[in-house]
Structure formats: C-alpha cells, structure tokens
C-alpha cells in the first residue's frame, strides 16, 4: 500500500503539470514565458502516511479464499468445456474451448 502511495505522488505532479500546460496552450497565451520561479517541495515523510492504515487480516483471508474458489470454478468449467468438445466436436457451438481460453 505504501508503494502505491509513493508511486501516485509523482504521477499526480505530472498530471498537474500536464493540466497547467494544456490550459496555457489552449488559452492562446503561450507568447508569455512560463514562470521560472523555483519550486520548493518538502520531502515526504512515509511515517506520517502509514499512521492511519489498518490491515484487516480476516477480510484479506476471506478475499483470498473467494479468489481461489473463483479460479477453481473457472478451471473446472474450462475442463468440462474441453471434455464436452472432445467427446462431440460437431455438437459444439462457437469457437473451440482450446482457442478461447475459457
């Protein structure tokens, strides 16, 4: 989670810069030079960001269990489709289950 936050900060800065430049270009006021004042950024303290984050291990375990159950269900469905296609290819409607990945 911390990595995601630290990756989003530079993306946010790039997005703000893009919006500023696009507004300047579309407004037609590009004859003026862009402001060249130095920008002072304070360093990010990661300890401040993770103070309010709490991880619910029971919810994560439940989500992982649901994902595993869903993957097993999809795999079982794919195997049934392949078995049905192999037993009667002429009766299969649509693309082969070998080609669709389902």
PDB file of N, CA and C in Angstrom:
ATOM      1  N   UNK A   1       0.822  -1.185   0.000  1.00  0.00           N
ATOM      2  CA  UNK A   1       0.000   0.000   0.000  1.00  0.00           C
ATOM      3  C   UNK A   1       0.869   1.253   0.000  1.00  0.00           C
ATOM      4  N   UNK A   2       1.964   1.180   0.755  1.00  0.00           N
ATOM      5  CA  UNK A   2       2.853   2.329   0.828  1.00  0.00           C
ATOM      6  C   UNK A   2       3.506   2.605  -0.520  1.00  0.00           C
ATOM      7  N   UNK A   3       3.858   1.527  -1.239  1.00  0.00           N
ATOM      8  CA  UNK A   3       4.459   1.700  -2.560  1.00  0.00           C
ATOM      9  C   UNK A   3       3.492   2.377  -3.505  1.00  0.00           C
ATOM     10  N   UNK A   4       2.230   2.018  -3.412  1.00  0.00           N
ATOM     11  CA  UNK A   4       1.219   2.615  -4.288  1.00  0.00           C
ATOM     12  C   UNK A   4       1.121   4.103  -4.022  1.00  0.00           C
ATOM     13  N   UNK A   5       1.123   4.482  -2.754  1.00  0.00           N
ATOM     14  CA  UNK A   5       1.023   5.902  -2.408  1.00  0.00           C
ATOM     15  C   UNK A   5       2.256   6.644  -2.910  1.00  0.00           C
ATOM     16  N   UNK A   6       3.430   6.049  -2.716  1.00  0.00           N
ATOM     17  CA  UNK A   6       4.649   6.719  -3.148  1.00  0.00           C
ATOM     18  C   UNK A   6       4.761   6.784  -4.667  1.00  0.00           C
ATOM     19  N   UNK A   7       4.109   5.859  -5.380  1.00  0.00           N
ATOM     20  CA  UNK A   7       4.102   5.921  -6.843  1.00  0.00           C
ATOM     21  C   UNK A   7       3.072   6.912  -7.361  1.00  0.00           C
ATOM     22  N   UNK A   8       2.018   7.144  -6.596  1.00  0.00           N
ATOM     23  CA  UNK A   8       0.974   8.056  -7.045  1.00  0.00           C
ATOM     24  C   UNK A   8       1.381   9.519  -6.922  1.00  0.00           C
ATOM     25  N   UNK A   9       2.264   9.839  -5.987  1.00  0.00           N
ATOM     26  CA  UNK A   9       2.657  11.232  -5.787  1.00  0.00           C
ATOM     27  C   UNK A   9       3.331  11.807  -7.031  1.00  0.00           C
ATOM     28  N   UNK A  10       4.335  11.137  -7.639  1.00  0.00           N
ATOM     29  CA  UNK A  10       4.911  11.703  -8.874  1.00  0.00           C
ATOM     30  C   UNK A  10       3.909  11.744 -10.025  1.00  0.00           C
ATOM     31  N   UNK A  11       3.029  10.740 -10.102  1.00  0.00           N
ATOM     32  CA  UNK A  11       2.021  10.763 -11.161  1.00  0.00           C
ATOM     33  C   UNK A  11       1.075  11.936 -10.995  1.00  0.00           C
ATOM     34  N   UNK A  12       0.745  12.260  -9.770  1.00  0.00           N
ATOM     35  CA  UNK A  12      -0.121  13.408  -9.509  1.00  0.00           C
ATOM     36  C   UNK A  12       0.566  14.691  -9.955  1.00  0.00           C
ATOM     37  N   UNK A  13       1.865  14.821  -9.654  1.00  0.00           N
ATOM     38  CA  UNK A  13       2.612  16.015 -10.065  1.00  0.00           C
ATOM     39  C   UNK A  13       2.665  16.129 -11.585  1.00  0.00           C
ATOM     40  N   UNK A  14       2.868  15.023 -12.272  1.00  0.00           N
ATOM     41  CA  UNK A  14       2.899  15.038 -13.737  1.00  0.00           C
ATOM     42  C   UNK A  14       1.524  15.422 -14.283  1.00  0.00           C
ATOM     43  N   UNK A  15       0.471  14.901 -13.668  1.00  0.00           N
ATOM     44  CA  UNK A  15      -0.882  15.243 -14.110  1.00  0.00           C
ATOM     45  C   UNK A  15      -1.183  16.716 -13.947  1.00  0.00           C
ATOM     46  N   UNK A  16      -0.775  17.292 -12.821  1.00  0.00           N
ATOM     47  CA  UNK A  16      -1.000  18.722 -12.586  1.00  0.00           C
ATOM     48  C   UNK A  16      -0.214  19.552 -13.593  1.00  0.00           C
ATOM     49  N   UNK A  17       1.033  19.160 -13.862  1.00  0.00           N
ATOM     50  CA  UNK A  17       1.837  19.893 -14.847  1.00  0.00           C
ATOM     51  C   UNK A  17       1.212  19.795 -16.239  1.00  0.00           C
ATOM     52  N   UNK A  18       0.710  18.612 -16.592  1.00  0.00           N
ATOM     53  CA  UNK A  18       0.068  18.448 -17.898  1.00  0.00           C
ATOM     54  C   UNK A  18      -1.173  19.331 -18.008  1.00  0.00           C
ATOM     55  N   UNK A  19      -1.999  19.366 -16.962  1.00  0.00           N
ATOM     56  CA  UNK A  19      -3.192  20.214 -16.994  1.00  0.00           C
ATOM     57  C   UNK A  19      -2.812  21.683 -17.129  1.00  0.00           C
ATOM     58  N   UNK A  20      -1.783  22.119 -16.417  1.00  0.00           N
ATOM     59  CA  UNK A  20      -1.355  23.514 -16.485  1.00  0.00           C
ATOM     60  C   UNK A  20      -0.890  23.872 -17.894  1.00  0.00           C
ATOM     61  N   UNK A  21      -0.046  23.028 -18.478  1.00  0.00           N
ATOM     62  CA  UNK A  21       0.477  23.315 -19.811  1.00  0.00           C
ATOM     63  C   UNK A  21      -0.641  23.256 -20.843  1.00  0.00           C
ATOM     64  N   UNK A  22      -1.548  22.285 -20.724  1.00  0.00           N
ATOM     65  CA  UNK A  22      -2.628  22.197 -21.703  1.00  0.00           C
ATOM     66  C   UNK A  22      -3.552  23.410 -21.601  1.00  0.00           C
ATOM     67  N   UNK A  23      -3.784  23.924 -20.385  1.00  0.00           N
ATOM     68  CA  UNK A  23      -4.595  25.140 -20.253  1.00  0.00           C
ATOM     69  C   UNK A  23      -3.885  26.336 -20.877  1.00  0.00           C
ATOM     70  N   UNK A  24      -2.567  26.420 -20.693  1.00  0.00           N
ATOM     71  CA  UNK A  24      -1.811  27.526 -21.279  1.00  0.00           C
ATOM     72  C   UNK A  24      -1.839  27.460 -22.804  1.00  0.00           C
ATOM     73  N   UNK A  25      -1.707  26.265 -23.359  1.00  0.00           N
ATOM     74  CA  UNK A  25      -1.676  26.113 -24.814  1.00  0.00           C
ATOM     75  C   UNK A  25      -3.046  26.400 -25.411  1.00  0.00           C
ATOM     76  N   UNK A  26      -4.100  25.887 -24.806  1.00  0.00           N
ATOM     77  CA  UNK A  26      -5.442  26.095 -25.367  1.00  0.00           C
ATOM     78  C   UNK A  26      -5.949  27.504 -25.160  1.00  0.00           C
ATOM     79  N   UNK A  27      -5.415  28.228 -24.184  1.00  0.00           N
ATOM     80  CA  UNK A  27      -5.889  29.597 -23.964  1.00  0.00           C
ATOM     81  C   UNK A  27      -5.277  30.576 -24.956  1.00  0.00           C
ATOM     82  N   UNK A  28      -4.192  30.189 -25.613  1.00  0.00           N
ATOM     83  CA  UNK A  28      -3.566  31.070 -26.596  1.00  0.00           C
ATOM     84  C   UNK A  28      -2.593  32.047 -25.985  1.00  0.00           C
ATOM     85  N   UNK A  29      -2.287  31.914 -24.714  1.00  0.00           N
ATOM     86  CA  UNK A  29      -1.367  32.839 -24.063  1.00  0.00           C
ATOM     87  C   UNK A  29       0.026  32.250 -23.947  1.00  0.00           C
ATOM     88  N   UNK A  30       0.462  31.536 -24.973  1.00  0.00           N
ATOM     89  CA  UNK A  30       1.778  30.899 -24.921  1.00  0.00           C
ATOM     90  C   UNK A  30       2.891  31.864 -25.290  1.00  0.00           C
ATOM     91  N   UNK A  31       2.560  33.118 -25.698  1.00  0.00           N
ATOM     92  CA  UNK A  31       3.614  34.062 -26.038  1.00  0.00           C
ATOM     93  C   UNK A  31       4.372  34.506 -24.788  1.00  0.00           C
ATOM     94  N   UNK A  32       3.728  34.465 -23.636  1.00  0.00           N
ATOM     95  CA  UNK A  32       4.415  34.816 -22.397  1.00  0.00           C
ATOM     96  C   UNK A  32       5.264  33.634 -21.944  1.00  0.00           C
ATOM     97  N   UNK A  33       6.433  33.897 -21.392  1.00  0.00           N
ATOM     98  CA  UNK A  33       7.233  32.776 -20.892  1.00  0.00           C
ATOM     99  C   UNK A  33       6.580  32.165 -19.649  1.00  0.00           C
ATOM    100  N   UNK A  34       6.809  30.895 -19.481  1.00  0.00           N
ATOM    101  CA  UNK A  34       6.283  30.230 -18.302  1.00  0.00           C
ATOM    102  C   UNK A  34       7.016  30.733 -17.069  1.00  0.00           C
ATOM    103  N   UNK A  35       6.344  30.761 -15.934  1.00  0.00           N
ATOM    104  CA  UNK A  35       7.024  31.242 -14.720  1.00  0.00           C
ATOM    105  C   UNK A  35       8.222  30.350 -14.393  1.00  0.00           C
ATOM    106  N   UNK A  36       9.315  30.998 -14.071  1.00  0.00           N
ATOM    107  CA  UNK A  36      10.535  30.242 -13.810  1.00  0.00           C
ATOM    108  C   UNK A  36      10.941  30.309 -12.345  1.00  0.00           C
ATOM    109  N   UNK A  37      10.011  30.615 -11.482  1.00  0.00           N
ATOM    110  CA  UNK A  37      10.328  30.661 -10.051  1.00  0.00           C
ATOM    111  C   UNK A  37      10.609  29.253  -9.556  1.00  0.00           C
ATOM    112  N   UNK A  38      11.619  29.094  -8.706  1.00  0.00           N
ATOM    113  CA  UNK A  38      11.921  27.752  -8.199  1.00  0.00           C
ATOM    114  C   UNK A  38      10.792  27.231  -7.318  1.00  0.00           C
ATOM    115  N   UNK A  39      10.568  25.964  -7.437  1.00  0.00           N
ATOM    116  CA  UNK A  39       9.523  25.315  -6.653  1.00  0.00           C
ATOM    117  C   UNK A  39      10.190  24.603  -5.483  1.00  0.00           C
ATOM    118  N   UNK A  40       9.719  24.884  -4.291  1.00  0.00           N
ATOM    119  CA  UNK A  40      10.282  24.244  -3.103  1.00  0.00           C
ATOM    120  C   UNK A  40       9.318  23.163  -2.638  1.00  0.00           C
ATOM    121  N   UNK A  41       9.772  21.918  -2.695  1.00  0.00           N
ATOM    122  CA  UNK A  41       8.960  20.790  -2.244  1.00  0.00           C
ATOM    123  C   UNK A  41       9.578  20.216  -0.984  1.00  0.00           C
ATOM    124  N   UNK A  42       8.733  19.982  -0.007  1.00  0.00           N
ATOM    125  CA  UNK A  42       9.203  19.360   1.228  1.00  0.00           C
ATOM    126  C   UNK A  42       9.286  17.859   1.012  1.00  0.00           C
ATOM    127  N   UNK A  43      10.266  17.193   1.590  1.00  0.00           N
ATOM    128  CA  UNK A  43      10.355  15.737   1.437  1.00  0.00           C
ATOM    129  C   UNK A  43       9.166  15.046   2.105  1.00  0.00           C
ATOM    130  N   UNK A  44       8.774  13.913   1.526  1.00  0.00           N
ATOM    131  CA  UNK A  44       7.631  13.160   2.042  1.00  0.00           C
ATOM    132  C   UNK A  44       8.101  12.277   3.190  1.00  0.00           C
ATOM    133  N   UNK A  45       7.398  12.356   4.289  1.00  0.00           N
ATOM    134  CA  UNK A  45       7.706  11.513   5.435  1.00  0.00           C
ATOM    135  C   UNK A  45       6.776  10.309   5.409  1.00  0.00           C
ATOM    136  N   UNK A  46       7.281   9.104   5.079  1.00  0.00           N
ATOM    137  CA  UNK A  46       6.410   7.933   4.970  1.00  0.00           C
ATOM    138  C   UNK A  46       5.770   7.518   6.292  1.00  0.00           C
ATOM    139  N   UNK A  47       6.383   7.894   7.422  1.00  0.00           N
ATOM    140  CA  UNK A  47       5.806   7.520   8.714  1.00  0.00           C
ATOM    141  C   UNK A  47       4.478   8.222   8.963  1.00  0.00           C
ATOM    142  N   UNK A  48       4.312   9.408   8.416  1.00  0.00           N
ATOM    143  CA  UNK A  48       3.063  10.139   8.582  1.00  0.00           C
ATOM    144  C   UNK A  48       1.933   9.447   7.818  1.00  0.00           C
ATOM    145  N   UNK A  49       2.257   8.890   6.645  1.00  0.00           N
ATOM    146  CA  UNK A  49       1.233   8.282   5.801  1.00  0.00           C
ATOM    147  C   UNK A  49       0.690   6.979   6.364  1.00  0.00           C
ATOM    148  N   UNK A  50       1.533   6.173   6.983  1.00  0.00           N
ATOM    149  CA  UNK A  50       1.057   4.866   7.430  1.00  0.00           C
ATOM    150  C   UNK A  50       0.486   4.870   8.838  1.00  0.00           C
ATOM    151  N   UNK A  51       0.335   6.014   9.422  1.00  0.00           N
ATOM    152  CA  UNK A  51      -0.219   6.091  10.772  1.00  0.00           C
ATOM    153  C   UNK A  51      -1.673   5.651  10.835  1.00  0.00           C
ATOM    154  N   UNK A  52      -2.481   5.963   9.833  1.00  0.00           N
ATOM    155  CA  UNK A  52      -3.903   5.651   9.873  1.00  0.00           C
ATOM    156  C   UNK A  52      -4.288   4.401   9.114  1.00  0.00           C
ATOM    157  N   UNK A  53      -3.322   3.650   8.582  1.00  0.00           N
ATOM    158  CA  UNK A  53      -3.641   2.453   7.813  1.00  0.00           C
ATOM    159  C   UNK A  53      -3.755   1.251   8.737  1.00  0.00           C
ATOM    160  N   UNK A  54      -4.831   0.513   8.575  1.00  0.00           N
ATOM    161  CA  UNK A  54      -5.009  -0.712   9.345  1.00  0.00           C
ATOM    162  C   UNK A  54      -5.350  -1.832   8.369  1.00  0.00           C
ATOM    163  N   UNK A  55      -4.762  -2.995   8.568  1.00  0.00           N
ATOM    164  CA  UNK A  55      -4.993  -4.140   7.698  1.00  0.00           C
ATOM    165  C   UNK A  55      -5.900  -5.118   8.425  1.00  0.00           C
ATOM    166  N   UNK A  56      -7.005  -5.469   7.791  1.00  0.00           N
ATOM    167  CA  UNK A  56      -7.939  -6.440   8.352  1.00  0.00           C
ATOM    168  C   UNK A  56      -7.564  -7.807   7.791  1.00  0.00           C
ATOM    169  N   UNK A  57      -6.863  -8.598   8.592  1.00  0.00           N
ATOM    170  CA  UNK A  57      -6.363  -9.881   8.101  1.00  0.00           C
ATOM    171  C   UNK A  57      -7.498 -10.856   7.804  1.00  0.00           C
ATOM    172  N   UNK A  58      -8.607 -10.768   8.539  1.00  0.00           N
ATOM    173  CA  UNK A  58      -9.739 -11.665   8.261  1.00  0.00           C
ATOM    174  C   UNK A  58     -10.369 -11.337   6.913  1.00  0.00           C
ATOM    175  N   UNK A  59     -10.480 -10.050   6.593  1.00  0.00           N
ATOM    176  CA  UNK A  59     -11.049  -9.661   5.302  1.00  0.00           C
ATOM    177  C   UNK A  59     -10.121 -10.068   4.157  1.00  0.00           C
ATOM    178  N   UNK A  60      -8.816  -9.929   4.364  1.00  0.00           N
ATOM    179  CA  UNK A  60      -7.869 -10.350   3.333  1.00  0.00           C
ATOM    180  C   UNK A  60      -7.928 -11.859   3.120  1.00  0.00           C
ATOM    181  N   UNK A  61      -8.017 -12.623   4.215  1.00  0.00           N
ATOM    182  CA  UNK A  61      -8.107 -14.077   4.086  1.00  0.00           C
ATOM    183  C   UNK A  61      -9.393 -14.477   3.369  1.00  0.00           C
ATOM    184  N   UNK A  62     -10.492 -13.797   3.672  1.00  0.00           N
ATOM    185  CA  UNK A  62     -11.765 -14.101   3.007  1.00  0.00           C
ATOM    186  C   UNK A  62     -11.676 -13.767   1.521  1.00  0.00           C
ATOM    187  N   UNK A  63     -11.060 -12.632   1.194  1.00  0.00           N
ATOM    188  CA  UNK A  63     -10.930 -12.247  -0.209  1.00  0.00           C
ATOM    189  C   UNK A  63     -10.058 -13.247  -0.957  1.00  0.00           C
ATOM    190  N   UNK A  64      -8.952 -13.682  -0.349  1.00  0.00           N
ATOM    191  CA  UNK A  64      -8.095 -14.668  -0.993  1.00  0.00           C
ATOM    192  C   UNK A  64      -8.838 -15.984  -1.180  1.00  0.00           C
ATOM    193  N   UNK A  65      -9.634 -16.387  -0.193  1.00  0.00           N
ATOM    194  CA  UNK A  65     -10.416 -17.612  -0.320  1.00  0.00           C
ATOM    195  C   UNK A  65     -11.432 -17.521  -1.444  1.00  0.00           C
ATOM    196  N   UNK A  66     -12.072 -16.364  -1.578  1.00  0.00           N
ATOM    197  CA  UNK A  66     -13.039 -16.176  -2.660  1.00  0.00           C
ATOM    198  C   UNK A  66     -12.341 -16.206  -4.015  1.00  0.00           C
ATOM    199  N   UNK A  67     -11.158 -15.605  -4.108  1.00  0.00           N
ATOM    200  CA  UNK A  67     -10.419 -15.617  -5.370  1.00  0.00           C
ATOM    201  C   UNK A  67     -10.009 -17.032  -5.757  1.00  0.00           C
ATOM    202  N   UNK A  68      -9.550 -17.804  -4.781  1.00  0.00           N
ATOM    203  CA  UNK A  68      -9.146 -19.184  -5.065  1.00  0.00           C
ATOM    204  C   UNK A  68     -10.358 -20.011  -5.483  1.00  0.00           C
ATOM    205  N   UNK A  69     -11.489 -19.826  -4.792  1.00  0.00           N
ATOM    206  CA  UNK A  69     -12.700 -20.563  -5.155  1.00  0.00           C
ATOM    207  C   UNK A  69     -13.164 -20.193  -6.561  1.00  0.00           C
ATOM    208  N   UNK A  70     -13.071 -18.921  -6.916  1.00  0.00           N
ATOM    209  CA  UNK A  70     -13.479 -18.477  -8.248  1.00  0.00           C
ATOM    210  C   UNK A  70     -12.553 -19.049  -9.320  1.00  0.00           C
ATOM    211  N   UNK A  71     -11.240 -19.055  -9.063  1.00  0.00           N
ATOM    212  CA  UNK A  71     -10.305 -19.637 -10.019  1.00  0.00           C
ATOM    213  C   UNK A  71     -10.566 -21.134 -10.200  1.00  0.00           C
ATOM    214  N   UNK A  72     -10.851 -21.831  -9.109  1.00  0.00           N
ATOM    215  CA  UNK A  72     -11.161 -23.261  -9.208  1.00  0.00           C
ATOM    216  C   UNK A  72     -12.437 -23.504 -10.004  1.00  0.00           C
ATOM    217  N   UNK A  73     -13.443 -22.651  -9.787  1.00  0.00           N
ATOM    218  CA  UNK A  73     -14.698 -22.794 -10.522  1.00  0.00           C
ATOM    219  C   UNK A  73     -14.477 -22.570 -12.012  1.00  0.00           C
ATOM    220  N   UNK A  74     -13.709 -21.539 -12.373  1.00  0.00           N
ATOM    221  CA  UNK A  74     -13.439 -21.268 -13.787  1.00  0.00           C
ATOM    222  C   UNK A  74     -12.615 -22.384 -14.428  1.00  0.00           C
ATOM    223  N   UNK A  75     -11.640 -22.919 -13.688  1.00  0.00           N
ATOM    224  CA  UNK A  75     -10.837 -24.013 -14.210  1.00  0.00           C
ATOM    225  C   UNK A  75     -11.695 -25.256 -14.424  1.00  0.00           C
ATOM    226  N   UNK A  76     -12.584 -25.547 -13.470  1.00  0.00           N
ATOM    227  CA  UNK A  76     -13.479 -26.705 -13.602  1.00  0.00           C
ATOM    228  C   UNK A  76     -14.409 -26.538 -14.808  1.00  0.00           C
ATOM    229  N   UNK A  77     -14.912 -25.314 -14.996  1.00  0.00           N
ATOM    230  CA  UNK A  77     -15.788 -25.044 -16.138  1.00  0.00           C
ATOM    231  C   UNK A  77     -15.022 -25.215 -17.454  1.00  0.00           C
ATOM    232  N   UNK A  78     -13.779 -24.765 -17.493  1.00  0.00           N
ATOM    233  CA  UNK A  78     -12.979 -24.918 -18.704  1.00  0.00           C
ATOM    234  C   UNK A  78     -12.722 -26.394 -18.995  1.00  0.00           C
ATOM    235  N   UNK A  79     -12.433 -27.164 -17.971  1.00  0.00           N
ATOM    236  CA  UNK A  79     -12.184 -28.597 -18.177  1.00  0.00           C
ATOM    237  C   UNK A  79     -13.453 -29.309 -18.670  1.00  0.00           C
ATOM    238  N   UNK A  80     -14.608 -28.919 -18.147  1.00  0.00           N
ATOM    239  CA  UNK A  80     -15.863 -29.501 -18.623  1.00  0.00           C
ATOM    240  C   UNK A  80     -16.121 -29.143 -20.075  1.00  0.00           C
ATOM    241  N   UNK A  81     -15.834 -27.887 -20.448  1.00  0.00           N
ATOM    242  CA  UNK A  81     -15.999 -27.470 -21.841  1.00  0.00           C
ATOM    243  C   UNK A  81     -15.080 -28.263 -22.762  1.00  0.00           C
ATOM    244  N   UNK A  82     -13.844 -28.460 -22.369  1.00  0.00           N
ATOM    245  CA  UNK A  82     -12.902 -29.217 -23.188  1.00  0.00           C
ATOM    246  C   UNK A  82     -13.343 -30.670 -23.304  1.00  0.00           C
ATOM    247  N   UNK A  83     -13.828 -31.238 -22.193  1.00  0.00           N
ATOM    248  CA  UNK A  83     -14.297 -32.629 -22.231  1.00  0.00           C
ATOM    249  C   UNK A  83     -15.499 -32.763 -23.155  1.00  0.00           C
ATOM    250  N   UNK A  84     -16.449 -31.839 -23.067  1.00  0.00           N
ATOM    251  CA  UNK A  84     -17.629 -31.888 -23.927  1.00  0.00           C
ATOM    252  C   UNK A  84     -17.251 -31.694 -25.398  1.00  0.00           C
ATOM    253  N   UNK A  85     -16.310 -30.793 -25.662  1.00  0.00           N
ATOM    254  CA  UNK A  85     -15.872 -30.571 -27.042  1.00  0.00           C
ATOM    255  C   UNK A  85     -15.169 -31.812 -27.585  1.00  0.00           C
ATOM    256  N   UNK A  86     -14.332 -32.420 -26.753  1.00  0.00           N
ATOM    257  CA  UNK A  86     -13.585 -33.595 -27.206  1.00  0.00           C
ATOM    258  C   UNK A  86     -14.512 -34.775 -27.484  1.00  0.00           C
ATOM    259  N   UNK A  87     -15.591 -34.894 -26.720  1.00  0.00           N
ATOM    260  CA  UNK A  87     -16.495 -36.029 -26.932  1.00  0.00           C
ATOM    261  C   UNK A  87     -17.393 -35.831 -28.152  1.00  0.00           C
ATOM    262  N   UNK A  88     -17.707 -34.568 -28.526  1.00  0.00           N
ATOM    263  CA  UNK A  88     -18.583 -34.310 -29.667  1.00  0.00           C
ATOM    264  C   UNK A  88     -18.244 -32.941 -30.272  1.00  0.00           C
ATOM    265  N   UNK A  89     -17.177 -32.842 -31.083  1.00  0.00           N
ATOM    266  CA  UNK A  89     -16.796 -31.545 -31.652  1.00  0.00           C
ATOM    267  C   UNK A  89     -17.853 -30.973 -32.586  1.00  0.00           C
ATOM    268  N   UNK A  90     -18.602 -31.835 -33.277  1.00  0.00           N
ATOM    269  CA  UNK A  90     -19.612 -31.337 -34.222  1.00  0.00           C
ATOM    270  C   UNK A  90     -20.790 -30.708 -33.481  1.00  0.00           C
ATOM    271  N   UNK A  91     -21.035 -31.102 -32.251  1.00  0.00           N
ATOM    272  CA  UNK A  91     -22.151 -30.547 -31.487  1.00  0.00           C
ATOM    273  C   UNK A  91     -21.792 -29.281 -30.734  1.00  0.00           C
ATOM    274  N   UNK A  92     -20.529 -28.867 -30.816  1.00  0.00           N
ATOM    275  CA  UNK A  92     -20.092 -27.682 -30.091  1.00  0.00           C
ATOM    276  C   UNK A  92     -20.440 -26.433 -30.885  1.00  0.00           C
ATOM    277  N   UNK A  93     -21.074 -25.458 -30.246  1.00  0.00           N
ATOM    278  CA  UNK A  93     -21.435 -24.198 -30.903  1.00  0.00           C
ATOM    279  C   UNK A  93     -20.451 -23.117 -30.462  1.00  0.00           C
ATOM    280  N   UNK A  94     -19.908 -22.402 -31.406  1.00  0.00           N
ATOM    281  CA  UNK A  94     -18.957 -21.345 -31.090  1.00  0.00           C
ATOM    282  C   UNK A  94     -17.532 -21.817 -31.271  1.00  0.00           C
ATOM    283  N   UNK A  95     -16.606 -20.985 -30.904  1.00  0.00           N
ATOM    284  CA  UNK A  95     -15.187 -21.327 -31.076  1.00  0.00           C
ATOM    285  C   UNK A  95     -14.781 -22.454 -30.123  1.00  0.00           C
ATOM    286  N   UNK A  96     -13.748 -23.141 -30.495  1.00  0.00           N
ATOM    287  CA  UNK A  96     -13.247 -24.244 -29.683  1.00  0.00           C
ATOM    288  C   UNK A  96     -12.802 -23.724 -28.322  1.00  0.00           C
ATOM    289  N   UNK A  97     -13.039 -24.490 -27.249  1.00  0.00           N
ATOM    290  CA  UNK A  97     -12.569 -24.050 -25.935  1.00  0.00           C
ATOM    291  C   UNK A  97     -11.044 -24.022 -25.856  1.00  0.00           C
ATOM    292  N   UNK A  98     -10.360 -24.676 -26.782  1.00  0.00           N
ATOM    293  CA  UNK A  98      -8.920 -24.615 -26.827  1.00  0.00           C
ATOM    294  C   UNK A  98      -8.444 -23.238 -27.284  1.00  0.00           C
ATOM    295  N   UNK A  99      -9.249 -22.579 -28.129  1.00  0.00           N
ATOM    296  CA  UNK A  99      -8.883 -21.289 -28.677  1.00  0.00           C
ATOM    297  C   UNK A  99      -9.296 -20.121 -27.780  1.00  0.00           C
ATOM    298  N   UNK A 100     -10.389 -20.274 -27.051  1.00  0.00           N
ATOM    299  CA  UNK A 100     -10.918 -19.149 -26.277  1.00  0.00           C
ATOM    300  C   UNK A 100     -10.257 -18.999 -24.940  1.00  0.00           C
ATOM    301  N   UNK A 101      -9.639 -20.030 -24.408  1.00  0.00           N
ATOM    302  CA  UNK A 101      -9.042 -19.950 -23.094  1.00  0.00           C
ATOM    303  C   UNK A 101     -10.054 -20.008 -21.981  1.00  0.00           C
ATOM    304  N   UNK A 102     -11.281 -20.327 -22.321  1.00  0.00           N
ATOM    305  CA  UNK A 102     -12.329 -20.446 -21.301  1.00  0.00           C
ATOM    306  C   UNK A 102     -12.755 -21.892 -21.236  1.00  0.00           C
TER     307      UNK A 102
END
